[in-house]
Amino acid sequence: MKLYRVILPVGDIDKAEEFYSQLFGMKGERVSPGRHYFDLGGTILACYDPKADGDDKQATWQPHFNQYIYISTEEIEKIFGNIKKSQTTKDGRQHRSHAVGRETFLRN
């Protein structure tokens, strides 16, 4: 088995596209008015805005808070730089180094 896609509910598809495009350094692909896909090494991160897709009556797809996405990269400093350059968010990261050589950050 292989994880193929993760759906991330968002409140504004255009802002999500802008943020993640800058974060990942790639444009991704708009596949419908409310869906924008990023191929992250064979797993799709699917940003999904139900209102933009005309699905606003589906209460189960409302954006949630405290979503966590874990992405592995060897270019962590490049990613931090992309966040600093981003016009869509502040650099409110909380950075942690782990004993096993991993680094993580949280975006405020």
PDB file of N, CA and C in Angstrom:
ATOM      1  N   MET A   1       0.833  -1.178   0.000  1.00  0.00           N
ATOM      2  CA  MET A   1       0.000   0.000   0.000  1.00  0.00           C
ATOM      3  C   MET A   1       0.878   1.242   0.000  1.00  0.00           C
ATOM      4  N   LYS A   2       0.277   2.317  -0.461  1.00  0.00           N
ATOM      5  CA  LYS A   2       0.968   3.599  -0.496  1.00  0.00           C
ATOM      6  C   LYS A   2      -0.065   4.691  -0.265  1.00  0.00           C
ATOM      7  N   LEU A   3       0.269   5.653   0.576  1.00  0.00           N
ATOM      8  CA  LEU A   3      -0.611   6.793   0.780  1.00  0.00           C
ATOM      9  C   LEU A   3      -0.593   7.638  -0.480  1.00  0.00           C
ATOM     10  N   TYR A   4      -1.773   7.863  -1.065  1.00  0.00           N
ATOM     11  CA  TYR A   4      -1.874   8.551  -2.343  1.00  0.00           C
ATOM     12  C   TYR A   4      -2.229  10.031  -2.195  1.00  0.00           C
ATOM     13  N   ARG A   5      -3.196  10.350  -1.309  1.00  0.00           N
ATOM     14  CA  ARG A   5      -3.660  11.734  -1.218  1.00  0.00           C
ATOM     15  C   ARG A   5      -4.088  12.051   0.203  1.00  0.00           C
ATOM     16  N   VAL A   6      -3.810  13.296   0.626  1.00  0.00           N
ATOM     17  CA  VAL A   6      -4.277  13.830   1.891  1.00  0.00           C
ATOM     18  C   VAL A   6      -5.100  15.066   1.555  1.00  0.00           C
ATOM     19  N   ILE A   7      -6.338  15.112   2.040  1.00  0.00           N
ATOM     20  CA  ILE A   7      -7.214  16.247   1.758  1.00  0.00           C
ATOM     21  C   ILE A   7      -7.164  17.207   2.940  1.00  0.00           C
ATOM     22  N   LEU A   8      -6.806  18.457   2.641  1.00  0.00           N
ATOM     23  CA  LEU A   8      -6.690  19.501   3.649  1.00  0.00           C
ATOM     24  C   LEU A   8      -7.790  20.533   3.422  1.00  0.00           C
ATOM     25  N   PRO A   9      -8.851  20.536   4.251  1.00  0.00           N
ATOM     26  CA  PRO A   9      -9.895  21.546   4.096  1.00  0.00           C
ATOM     27  C   PRO A   9      -9.336  22.939   4.387  1.00  0.00           C
ATOM     28  N   VAL A  10      -9.639  23.896   3.511  1.00  0.00           N
ATOM     29  CA  VAL A  10      -9.177  25.283   3.684  1.00  0.00           C
ATOM     30  C   VAL A  10     -10.366  26.214   3.531  1.00  0.00           C
ATOM     31  N   GLY A  11     -10.258  27.403   4.094  1.00  0.00           N
ATOM     32  CA  GLY A  11     -11.328  28.387   4.017  1.00  0.00           C
ATOM     33  C   GLY A  11     -11.239  29.296   2.813  1.00  0.00           C
ATOM     34  N   ASP A  12     -10.064  29.351   2.163  1.00  0.00           N
ATOM     35  CA  ASP A  12      -9.871  30.212   0.994  1.00  0.00           C
ATOM     36  C   ASP A  12      -8.861  29.536   0.075  1.00  0.00           C
ATOM     37  N   ILE A  13      -9.320  28.981  -1.030  1.00  0.00           N
ATOM     38  CA  ILE A  13      -8.459  28.197  -1.915  1.00  0.00           C
ATOM     39  C   ILE A  13      -7.344  29.044  -2.522  1.00  0.00           C
ATOM     40  N   ASP A  14      -7.619  30.311  -2.833  1.00  0.00           N
ATOM     41  CA  ASP A  14      -6.592  31.159  -3.428  1.00  0.00           C
ATOM     42  C   ASP A  14      -5.460  31.455  -2.445  1.00  0.00           C
ATOM     43  N   LYS A  15      -5.812  31.734  -1.199  1.00  0.00           N
ATOM     44  CA  LYS A  15      -4.777  31.967  -0.183  1.00  0.00           C
ATOM     45  C   LYS A  15      -3.991  30.692   0.097  1.00  0.00           C
ATOM     46  N   ALA A  16      -4.682  29.555   0.131  1.00  0.00           N
ATOM     47  CA  ALA A  16      -4.002  28.278   0.352  1.00  0.00           C
ATOM     48  C   ALA A  16      -3.036  27.993  -0.790  1.00  0.00           C
ATOM     49  N   GLU A  17      -3.488  28.217  -2.030  1.00  0.00           N
ATOM     50  CA  GLU A  17      -2.607  28.012  -3.188  1.00  0.00           C
ATOM     51  C   GLU A  17      -1.374  28.903  -3.092  1.00  0.00           C
ATOM     52  N   GLU A  18      -1.575  30.163  -2.771  1.00  0.00           N
ATOM     53  CA  GLU A  18      -0.450  31.092  -2.672  1.00  0.00           C
ATOM     54  C   GLU A  18       0.539  30.658  -1.583  1.00  0.00           C
ATOM     55  N   PHE A  19       0.013  30.319  -0.405  1.00  0.00           N
ATOM     56  CA  PHE A  19       0.878  29.927   0.702  1.00  0.00           C
ATOM     57  C   PHE A  19       1.679  28.663   0.386  1.00  0.00           C
ATOM     58  N   TYR A  20       0.980  27.599  -0.026  1.00  0.00           N
ATOM     59  CA  TYR A  20       1.667  26.333  -0.265  1.00  0.00           C
ATOM     60  C   TYR A  20       2.563  26.384  -1.495  1.00  0.00           C
ATOM     61  N   SER A  21       2.211  27.182  -2.501  1.00  0.00           N
ATOM     62  CA  SER A  21       3.098  27.353  -3.659  1.00  0.00           C
ATOM     63  C   SER A  21       4.424  27.965  -3.222  1.00  0.00           C
ATOM     64  N   GLN A  22       4.348  28.993  -2.366  1.00  0.00           N
ATOM     65  CA  GLN A  22       5.578  29.602  -1.860  1.00  0.00           C
ATOM     66  C   GLN A  22       6.326  28.650  -0.937  1.00  0.00           C
ATOM     67  N   LEU A  23       5.609  27.968  -0.094  1.00  0.00           N
ATOM     68  CA  LEU A  23       6.237  27.056   0.862  1.00  0.00           C
ATOM     69  C   LEU A  23       7.001  25.940   0.153  1.00  0.00           C
ATOM     70  N   PHE A  24       6.358  25.305  -0.823  1.00  0.00           N
ATOM     71  CA  PHE A  24       6.960  24.162  -1.503  1.00  0.00           C
ATOM     72  C   PHE A  24       7.836  24.555  -2.688  1.00  0.00           C
ATOM     73  N   GLY A  25       7.738  25.806  -3.145  1.00  0.00           N
ATOM     74  CA  GLY A  25       8.512  26.224  -4.309  1.00  0.00           C
ATOM     75  C   GLY A  25       8.004  25.604  -5.600  1.00  0.00           C
ATOM     76  N   MET A  26       6.699  25.349  -5.658  1.00  0.00           N
ATOM     77  CA  MET A  26       6.076  24.790  -6.867  1.00  0.00           C
ATOM     78  C   MET A  26       4.651  25.326  -6.963  1.00  0.00           C
ATOM     79  N   LYS A  27       4.143  25.377  -8.183  1.00  0.00           N
ATOM     80  CA  LYS A  27       2.807  25.930  -8.409  1.00  0.00           C
ATOM     81  C   LYS A  27       1.680  24.968  -8.067  1.00  0.00           C
ATOM     82  N   GLY A  28       1.881  23.697  -8.206  1.00  0.00           N
ATOM     83  CA  GLY A  28       0.780  22.764  -8.030  1.00  0.00           C
ATOM     84  C   GLY A  28      -0.171  22.848  -9.204  1.00  0.00           C
ATOM     85  N   GLU A  29      -1.370  22.291  -9.027  1.00  0.00           N
ATOM     86  CA  GLU A  29      -2.328  22.245 -10.127  1.00  0.00           C
ATOM     87  C   GLU A  29      -3.749  22.456  -9.605  1.00  0.00           C
ATOM     88  N   ARG A  30      -4.463  23.432 -10.179  1.00  0.00           N
ATOM     89  CA  ARG A  30      -5.873  23.653  -9.845  1.00  0.00           C
ATOM     90  C   ARG A  30      -6.682  22.638 -10.635  1.00  0.00           C
ATOM     91  N   VAL A  31      -7.364  21.746  -9.948  1.00  0.00           N
ATOM     92  CA  VAL A  31      -8.107  20.682 -10.631  1.00  0.00           C
ATOM     93  C   VAL A  31      -9.605  20.941 -10.665  1.00  0.00           C
ATOM     94  N   SER A  32     -10.073  21.899  -9.879  1.00  0.00           N
ATOM     95  CA  SER A  32     -11.470  22.340  -9.903  1.00  0.00           C
ATOM     96  C   SER A  32     -11.481  23.707  -9.221  1.00  0.00           C
ATOM     97  N   PRO A  33     -12.599  24.414  -9.236  1.00  0.00           N
ATOM     98  CA  PRO A  33     -12.618  25.738  -8.604  1.00  0.00           C
ATOM     99  C   PRO A  33     -12.223  25.732  -7.123  1.00  0.00           C
ATOM    100  N   GLY A  34     -12.428  24.630  -6.439  1.00  0.00           N
ATOM    101  CA  GLY A  34     -12.124  24.578  -5.012  1.00  0.00           C
ATOM    102  C   GLY A  34     -11.084  23.540  -4.622  1.00  0.00           C
ATOM    103  N   ARG A  35     -10.322  23.047  -5.592  1.00  0.00           N
ATOM    104  CA  ARG A  35      -9.305  22.031  -5.286  1.00  0.00           C
ATOM    105  C   ARG A  35      -7.991  22.388  -5.973  1.00  0.00           C
ATOM    106  N   HIS A  36      -6.932  22.393  -5.179  1.00  0.00           N
ATOM    107  CA  HIS A  36      -5.603  22.649  -5.720  1.00  0.00           C
ATOM    108  C   HIS A  36      -4.675  21.568  -5.182  1.00  0.00           C
ATOM    109  N   TYR A  37      -3.997  20.863  -6.091  1.00  0.00           N
ATOM    110  CA  TYR A  37      -3.179  19.706  -5.721  1.00  0.00           C
ATOM    111  C   TYR A  37      -1.692  20.027  -5.813  1.00  0.00           C
ATOM    112  N   PHE A  38      -0.941  19.504  -4.846  1.00  0.00           N
ATOM    113  CA  PHE A  38       0.519  19.558  -4.840  1.00  0.00           C
ATOM    114  C   PHE A  38       1.029  18.125  -4.743  1.00  0.00           C
ATOM    115  N   ASP A  39       1.872  17.728  -5.687  1.00  0.00           N
ATOM    116  CA  ASP A  39       2.455  16.380  -5.683  1.00  0.00           C
ATOM    117  C   ASP A  39       3.729  16.426  -4.854  1.00  0.00           C
ATOM    118  N   LEU A  40       3.692  15.804  -3.687  1.00  0.00           N
ATOM    119  CA  LEU A  40       4.826  15.779  -2.769  1.00  0.00           C
ATOM    120  C   LEU A  40       5.437  14.384  -2.769  1.00  0.00           C
ATOM    121  N   GLY A  41       6.235  14.120  -3.765  1.00  0.00           N
ATOM    122  CA  GLY A  41       6.915  12.837  -3.854  1.00  0.00           C
ATOM    123  C   GLY A  41       5.975  11.666  -4.073  1.00  0.00           C
ATOM    124  N   GLY A  42       4.904  11.877  -4.811  1.00  0.00           N
ATOM    125  CA  GLY A  42       3.966  10.802  -5.098  1.00  0.00           C
ATOM    126  C   GLY A  42       2.732  10.795  -4.215  1.00  0.00           C
ATOM    127  N   THR A  43       2.710  11.596  -3.159  1.00  0.00           N
ATOM    128  CA  THR A  43       1.518  11.766  -2.343  1.00  0.00           C
ATOM    129  C   THR A  43       0.972  13.157  -2.626  1.00  0.00           C
ATOM    130  N   ILE A  44      -0.308  13.238  -2.932  1.00  0.00           N
ATOM    131  CA  ILE A  44      -0.936  14.507  -3.264  1.00  0.00           C
ATOM    132  C   ILE A  44      -1.439  15.190  -1.997  1.00  0.00           C
ATOM    133  N   LEU A  45      -1.021  16.450  -1.791  1.00  0.00           N
ATOM    134  CA  LEU A  45      -1.645  17.294  -0.783  1.00  0.00           C
ATOM    135  C   LEU A  45      -2.743  18.049  -1.518  1.00  0.00           C
ATOM    136  N   ALA A  46      -3.986  17.749  -1.193  1.00  0.00           N
ATOM    137  CA  ALA A  46      -5.137  18.337  -1.871  1.00  0.00           C
ATOM    138  C   ALA A  46      -5.763  19.400  -0.986  1.00  0.00           C
ATOM    139  N   CYS A  47      -5.536  20.673  -1.321  1.00  0.00           N
ATOM    140  CA  CYS A  47      -6.211  21.757  -0.622  1.00  0.00           C
ATOM    141  C   CYS A  47      -7.632  21.807  -1.168  1.00  0.00           C
ATOM    142  N   TYR A  48      -8.609  21.823  -0.280  1.00  0.00           N
ATOM    143  CA  TYR A  48     -10.006  21.723  -0.684  1.00  0.00           C
ATOM    144  C   TYR A  48     -10.845  22.791   0.009  1.00  0.00           C
ATOM    145  N   ASP A  49     -11.426  23.675  -0.796  1.00  0.00           N
ATOM    146  CA  ASP A  49     -12.316  24.728  -0.315  1.00  0.00           C
ATOM    147  C   ASP A  49     -13.735  24.359  -0.758  1.00  0.00           C
ATOM    148  N   PRO A  50     -14.567  23.839   0.154  1.00  0.00           N
ATOM    149  CA  PRO A  50     -15.888  23.351  -0.245  1.00  0.00           C
ATOM    150  C   PRO A  50     -16.784  24.432  -0.847  1.00  0.00           C
ATOM    151  N   LYS A  51     -16.712  25.668  -0.331  1.00  0.00           N
ATOM    152  CA  LYS A  51     -17.552  26.733  -0.897  1.00  0.00           C
ATOM    153  C   LYS A  51     -17.176  27.026  -2.340  1.00  0.00           C
ATOM    154  N   ALA A  52     -15.879  27.118  -2.622  1.00  0.00           N
ATOM    155  CA  ALA A  52     -15.430  27.404  -3.985  1.00  0.00           C
ATOM    156  C   ALA A  52     -15.812  26.281  -4.943  1.00  0.00           C
ATOM    157  N   ASP A  53     -15.947  25.073  -4.413  1.00  0.00           N
ATOM    158  CA  ASP A  53     -16.325  23.932  -5.243  1.00  0.00           C
ATOM    159  C   ASP A  53     -17.839  23.722  -5.295  1.00  0.00           C
ATOM    160  N   GLY A  54     -18.591  24.593  -4.604  1.00  0.00           N
ATOM    161  CA  GLY A  54     -20.047  24.476  -4.611  1.00  0.00           C
ATOM    162  C   GLY A  54     -20.578  23.416  -3.666  1.00  0.00           C
ATOM    163  N   ASP A  55     -19.752  22.991  -2.698  1.00  0.00           N
ATOM    164  CA  ASP A  55     -20.141  21.935  -1.760  1.00  0.00           C
ATOM    165  C   ASP A  55     -20.389  22.477  -0.353  1.00  0.00           C
ATOM    166  N   ASP A  56     -20.726  23.765  -0.229  1.00  0.00           N
ATOM    167  CA  ASP A  56     -20.799  24.386   1.096  1.00  0.00           C
ATOM    168  C   ASP A  56     -21.892  23.810   1.992  1.00  0.00           C
ATOM    169  N   LYS A  57     -22.761  22.968   1.478  1.00  0.00           N
ATOM    170  CA  LYS A  57     -23.799  22.363   2.307  1.00  0.00           C
ATOM    171  C   LYS A  57     -23.306  21.122   3.042  1.00  0.00           C
ATOM    172  N   GLN A  58     -22.108  20.671   2.737  1.00  0.00           N
ATOM    173  CA  GLN A  58     -21.549  19.479   3.392  1.00  0.00           C
ATOM    174  C   GLN A  58     -20.802  19.906   4.656  1.00  0.00           C
ATOM    175  N   ALA A  59     -21.484  19.907   5.761  1.00  0.00           N
ATOM    176  CA  ALA A  59     -20.902  20.381   7.024  1.00  0.00           C
ATOM    177  C   ALA A  59     -19.660  19.592   7.424  1.00  0.00           C
ATOM    178  N   THR A  60     -19.565  18.343   6.983  1.00  0.00           N
ATOM    179  CA  THR A  60     -18.414  17.533   7.377  1.00  0.00           C
ATOM    180  C   THR A  60     -17.119  18.023   6.737  1.00  0.00           C
ATOM    181  N   TRP A  61     -17.198  18.868   5.713  1.00  0.00           N
ATOM    182  CA  TRP A  61     -15.991  19.362   5.052  1.00  0.00           C
ATOM    183  C   TRP A  61     -15.623  20.768   5.469  1.00  0.00           C
ATOM    184  N   GLN A  62     -16.156  21.235   6.584  1.00  0.00           N
ATOM    185  CA  GLN A  62     -15.785  22.571   7.036  1.00  0.00           C
ATOM    186  C   GLN A  62     -14.325  22.550   7.480  1.00  0.00           C
ATOM    187  N   PRO A  63     -13.588  23.656   7.211  1.00  0.00           N
ATOM    188  CA  PRO A  63     -12.182  23.698   7.637  1.00  0.00           C
ATOM    189  C   PRO A  63     -12.052  23.489   9.144  1.00  0.00           C
ATOM    190  N   HIS A  64     -11.054  22.769   9.521  1.00  0.00           N
ATOM    191  CA  HIS A  64     -10.801  22.463  10.920  1.00  0.00           C
ATOM    192  C   HIS A  64      -9.556  23.219  11.384  1.00  0.00           C
ATOM    193  N   PHE A  65      -9.471  23.451  12.660  1.00  0.00           N
ATOM    194  CA  PHE A  65      -8.290  24.067  13.231  1.00  0.00           C
ATOM    195  C   PHE A  65      -7.405  22.972  13.802  1.00  0.00           C
ATOM    196  N   ASN A  66      -6.183  23.318  14.113  1.00  0.00           N
ATOM    197  CA  ASN A  66      -5.215  22.386  14.678  1.00  0.00           C
ATOM    198  C   ASN A  66      -4.939  21.218  13.746  1.00  0.00           C
ATOM    199  N   GLN A  67      -4.788  21.499  12.465  1.00  0.00           N
ATOM    200  CA  GLN A  67      -4.418  20.462  11.511  1.00  0.00           C
ATOM    201  C   GLN A  67      -2.902  20.344  11.525  1.00  0.00           C
ATOM    202  N   TYR A  68      -2.426  19.141  11.472  1.00  0.00           N
ATOM    203  CA  TYR A  68      -0.994  18.908  11.463  1.00  0.00           C
ATOM    204  C   TYR A  68      -0.631  18.133  10.211  1.00  0.00           C
ATOM    205  N   ILE A  69       0.344  18.629   9.494  1.00  0.00           N
ATOM    206  CA  ILE A  69       0.859  17.955   8.315  1.00  0.00           C
ATOM    207  C   ILE A  69       2.355  17.785   8.542  1.00  0.00           C
ATOM    208  N   TYR A  70       2.837  16.578   8.387  1.00  0.00           N
ATOM    209  CA  TYR A  70       4.252  16.295   8.552  1.00  0.00           C
ATOM    210  C   TYR A  70       4.831  15.978   7.191  1.00  0.00           C
ATOM    211  N   ILE A  71       5.831  16.746   6.775  1.00  0.00           N
ATOM    212  CA  ILE A  71       6.465  16.576   5.478  1.00  0.00           C
ATOM    213  C   ILE A  71       7.957  16.416   5.698  1.00  0.00           C
ATOM    214  N   SER A  72       8.531  15.435   5.070  1.00  0.00           N
ATOM    215  CA  SER A  72       9.967  15.189   5.182  1.00  0.00           C
ATOM    216  C   SER A  72      10.687  15.912   4.049  1.00  0.00           C
ATOM    217  N   THR A  73      11.773  16.612   4.387  1.00  0.00           N
ATOM    218  CA  THR A  73      12.566  17.310   3.375  1.00  0.00           C
ATOM    219  C   THR A  73      14.014  17.417   3.829  1.00  0.00           C
ATOM    220  N   GLU A  74      14.900  17.454   2.879  1.00  0.00           N
ATOM    221  CA  GLU A  74      16.310  17.711   3.178  1.00  0.00           C
ATOM    222  C   GLU A  74      16.628  19.191   3.012  1.00  0.00           C
ATOM    223  N   GLU A  75      15.632  19.992   2.679  1.00  0.00           N
ATOM    224  CA  GLU A  75      15.823  21.420   2.414  1.00  0.00           C
ATOM    225  C   GLU A  75      15.081  22.273   3.437  1.00  0.00           C
ATOM    226  N   ILE A  76      15.255  21.966   4.730  1.00  0.00           N
ATOM    227  CA  ILE A  76      14.492  22.648   5.769  1.00  0.00           C
ATOM    228  C   ILE A  76      14.780  24.152   5.783  1.00  0.00           C
ATOM    229  N   GLU A  77      16.019  24.557   5.587  1.00  0.00           N
ATOM    230  CA  GLU A  77      16.340  25.987   5.595  1.00  0.00           C
ATOM    231  C   GLU A  77      15.713  26.708   4.414  1.00  0.00           C
ATOM    232  N   LYS A  78      15.625  26.032   3.263  1.00  0.00           N
ATOM    233  CA  LYS A  78      14.945  26.607   2.102  1.00  0.00           C
ATOM    234  C   LYS A  78      13.466  26.820   2.422  1.00  0.00           C
ATOM    235  N   ILE A  79      12.851  25.849   3.082  1.00  0.00           N
ATOM    236  CA  ILE A  79      11.449  25.965   3.457  1.00  0.00           C
ATOM    237  C   ILE A  79      11.254  27.130   4.426  1.00  0.00           C
ATOM    238  N   PHE A  80      12.132  27.262   5.430  1.00  0.00           N
ATOM    239  CA  PHE A  80      12.049  28.390   6.361  1.00  0.00           C
ATOM    240  C   PHE A  80      12.169  29.706   5.599  1.00  0.00           C
ATOM    241  N   GLY A  81      13.082  29.765   4.617  1.00  0.00           N
ATOM    242  CA  GLY A  81      13.236  30.959   3.794  1.00  0.00           C
ATOM    243  C   GLY A  81      11.978  31.275   3.013  1.00  0.00           C
ATOM    244  N   ASN A  82      11.326  30.243   2.483  1.00  0.00           N
ATOM    245  CA  ASN A  82      10.080  30.447   1.754  1.00  0.00           C
ATOM    246  C   ASN A  82       8.996  31.027   2.664  1.00  0.00           C
ATOM    247  N   ILE A  83       8.957  30.561   3.891  1.00  0.00           N
ATOM    248  CA  ILE A  83       7.973  31.085   4.837  1.00  0.00           C
ATOM    249  C   ILE A  83       8.256  32.555   5.128  1.00  0.00           C
ATOM    250  N   LYS A  84       9.527  32.897   5.329  1.00  0.00           N
ATOM    251  CA  LYS A  84       9.875  34.291   5.610  1.00  0.00           C
ATOM    252  C   LYS A  84       9.497  35.203   4.455  1.00  0.00           C
ATOM    253  N   LYS A  85       9.636  34.719   3.210  1.00  0.00           N
ATOM    254  CA  LYS A  85       9.301  35.518   2.028  1.00  0.00           C
ATOM    255  C   LYS A  85       7.803  35.598   1.779  1.00  0.00           C
ATOM    256  N   SER A  86       7.056  34.705   2.371  1.00  0.00           N
ATOM    257  CA  SER A  86       5.620  34.609   2.105  1.00  0.00           C
ATOM    258  C   SER A  86       4.886  35.864   2.549  1.00  0.00           C
ATOM    259  N   GLN A  87       3.983  36.324   1.720  1.00  0.00           N
ATOM    260  CA  GLN A  87       3.126  37.456   2.064  1.00  0.00           C
ATOM    261  C   GLN A  87       1.859  36.994   2.771  1.00  0.00           C
ATOM    262  N   THR A  88       1.661  35.690   2.898  1.00  0.00           N
ATOM    263  CA  THR A  88       0.399  35.171   3.416  1.00  0.00           C
ATOM    264  C   THR A  88       0.445  34.849   4.903  1.00  0.00           C
ATOM    265  N   THR A  89       1.602  34.905   5.516  1.00  0.00           N
ATOM    266  CA  THR A  89       1.684  34.541   6.927  1.00  0.00           C
ATOM    267  C   THR A  89       2.894  35.201   7.569  1.00  0.00           C
ATOM    268  N   LYS A  90       2.895  35.254   8.881  1.00  0.00           N
ATOM    269  CA  LYS A  90       4.058  35.713   9.635  1.00  0.00           C
ATOM    270  C   LYS A  90       4.963  34.512   9.870  1.00  0.00           C
ATOM    271  N   ASP A  91       6.242  34.798  10.131  1.00  0.00           N
ATOM    272  CA  ASP A  91       7.148  33.698  10.484  1.00  0.00           C
ATOM    273  C   ASP A  91       6.985  33.426  11.971  1.00  0.00           C
ATOM    274  N   GLY A  92       5.916  32.734  12.325  1.00  0.00           N
ATOM    275  CA  GLY A  92       5.623  32.441  13.710  1.00  0.00           C
ATOM    276  C   GLY A  92       5.994  31.022  14.062  1.00  0.00           C
ATOM    277  N   ARG A  93       7.102  30.549  13.520  1.00  0.00           N
ATOM    278  CA  ARG A  93       7.439  29.149  13.711  1.00  0.00           C
ATOM    279  C   ARG A  93       7.940  28.871  15.117  1.00  0.00           C
ATOM    280  N   GLN A  94       7.668  27.684  15.543  1.00  0.00           N
ATOM    281  CA  GLN A  94       8.272  27.136  16.743  1.00  0.00           C
ATOM    282  C   GLN A  94       9.116  25.978  16.250  1.00  0.00           C
ATOM    283  N   HIS A  95      10.389  26.055  16.477  1.00  0.00           N
ATOM    284  CA  HIS A  95      11.332  25.102  15.901  1.00  0.00           C
ATOM    285  C   HIS A  95      11.791  24.132  16.973  1.00  0.00           C
ATOM    286  N   ARG A  96      11.869  22.851  16.614  1.00  0.00           N
ATOM    287  CA  ARG A  96      12.355  21.826  17.533  1.00  0.00           C
ATOM    288  C   ARG A  96      13.277  20.876  16.799  1.00  0.00           C
ATOM    289  N   SER A  97      14.392  20.545  17.422  1.00  0.00           N
ATOM    290  CA  SER A  97      15.264  19.483  16.911  1.00  0.00           C
ATOM    291  C   SER A  97      14.991  18.245  17.735  1.00  0.00           C
ATOM    292  N   HIS A  98      14.987  17.106  17.076  1.00  0.00           N
ATOM    293  CA  HIS A  98      14.695  15.846  17.757  1.00  0.00           C
ATOM    294  C   HIS A  98      15.959  14.992  17.820  1.00  0.00           C
ATOM    295  N   ALA A  99      16.002  14.122  18.782  1.00  0.00           N
ATOM    296  CA  ALA A  99      17.168  13.267  18.996  1.00  0.00           C
ATOM    297  C   ALA A  99      17.482  12.395  17.789  1.00  0.00           C
ATOM    298  N   VAL A 100      16.491  12.062  16.993  1.00  0.00           N
ATOM    299  CA  VAL A 100      16.715  11.179  15.849  1.00  0.00           C
ATOM    300  C   VAL A 100      17.106  11.956  14.592  1.00  0.00           C
ATOM    301  N   GLY A 101      17.430  13.240  14.738  1.00  0.00           N
ATOM    302  CA  GLY A 101      17.898  14.022  13.607  1.00  0.00           C
ATOM    303  C   GLY A 101      16.817  14.713  12.804  1.00  0.00           C
ATOM    304  N   ARG A 102      15.615  14.730  13.314  1.00  0.00           N
ATOM    305  CA  ARG A 102      14.521  15.409  12.613  1.00  0.00           C
ATOM    306  C   ARG A 102      14.357  16.811  13.165  1.00  0.00           C
ATOM    307  N   GLU A 103      13.884  17.703  12.315  1.00  0.00           N
ATOM    308  CA  GLU A 103      13.535  19.047  12.762  1.00  0.00           C
ATOM    309  C   GLU A 103      12.084  19.288  12.396  1.00  0.00           C
ATOM    310  N   THR A 104      11.367  19.969  13.265  1.00  0.00           N
ATOM    311  CA  THR A 104       9.983  20.282  12.967  1.00  0.00           C
ATOM    312  C   THR A 104       9.743  21.752  13.252  1.00  0.00           C
ATOM    313  N   PHE A 105       8.684  22.283  12.650  1.00  0.00           N
ATOM    314  CA  PHE A 105       8.260  23.624  13.001  1.00  0.00           C
ATOM    315  C   PHE A 105       6.746  23.692  12.919  1.00  0.00           C
ATOM    316  N   LEU A 106       6.180  24.601  13.660  1.00  0.00           N
ATOM    317  CA  LEU A 106       4.747  24.850  13.645  1.00  0.00           C
ATOM    318  C   LEU A 106       4.536  26.248  13.099  1.00  0.00           C
ATOM    319  N   ARG A 107       3.555  26.385  12.215  1.00  0.00           N
ATOM    320  CA  ARG A 107       3.228  27.702  11.673  1.00  0.00           C
ATOM    321  C   ARG A 107       2.053  28.258  12.456  1.00  0.00           C
ATOM    322  N   ASN A 108       2.181  29.477  12.936  1.00  0.00           N
ATOM    323  CA  ASN A 108       1.067  30.140  13.651  1.00  0.00           C
ATOM    324  C   ASN A 108       0.100  30.725  12.663  1.00  0.00           C
TER     325      ASN A 108
END
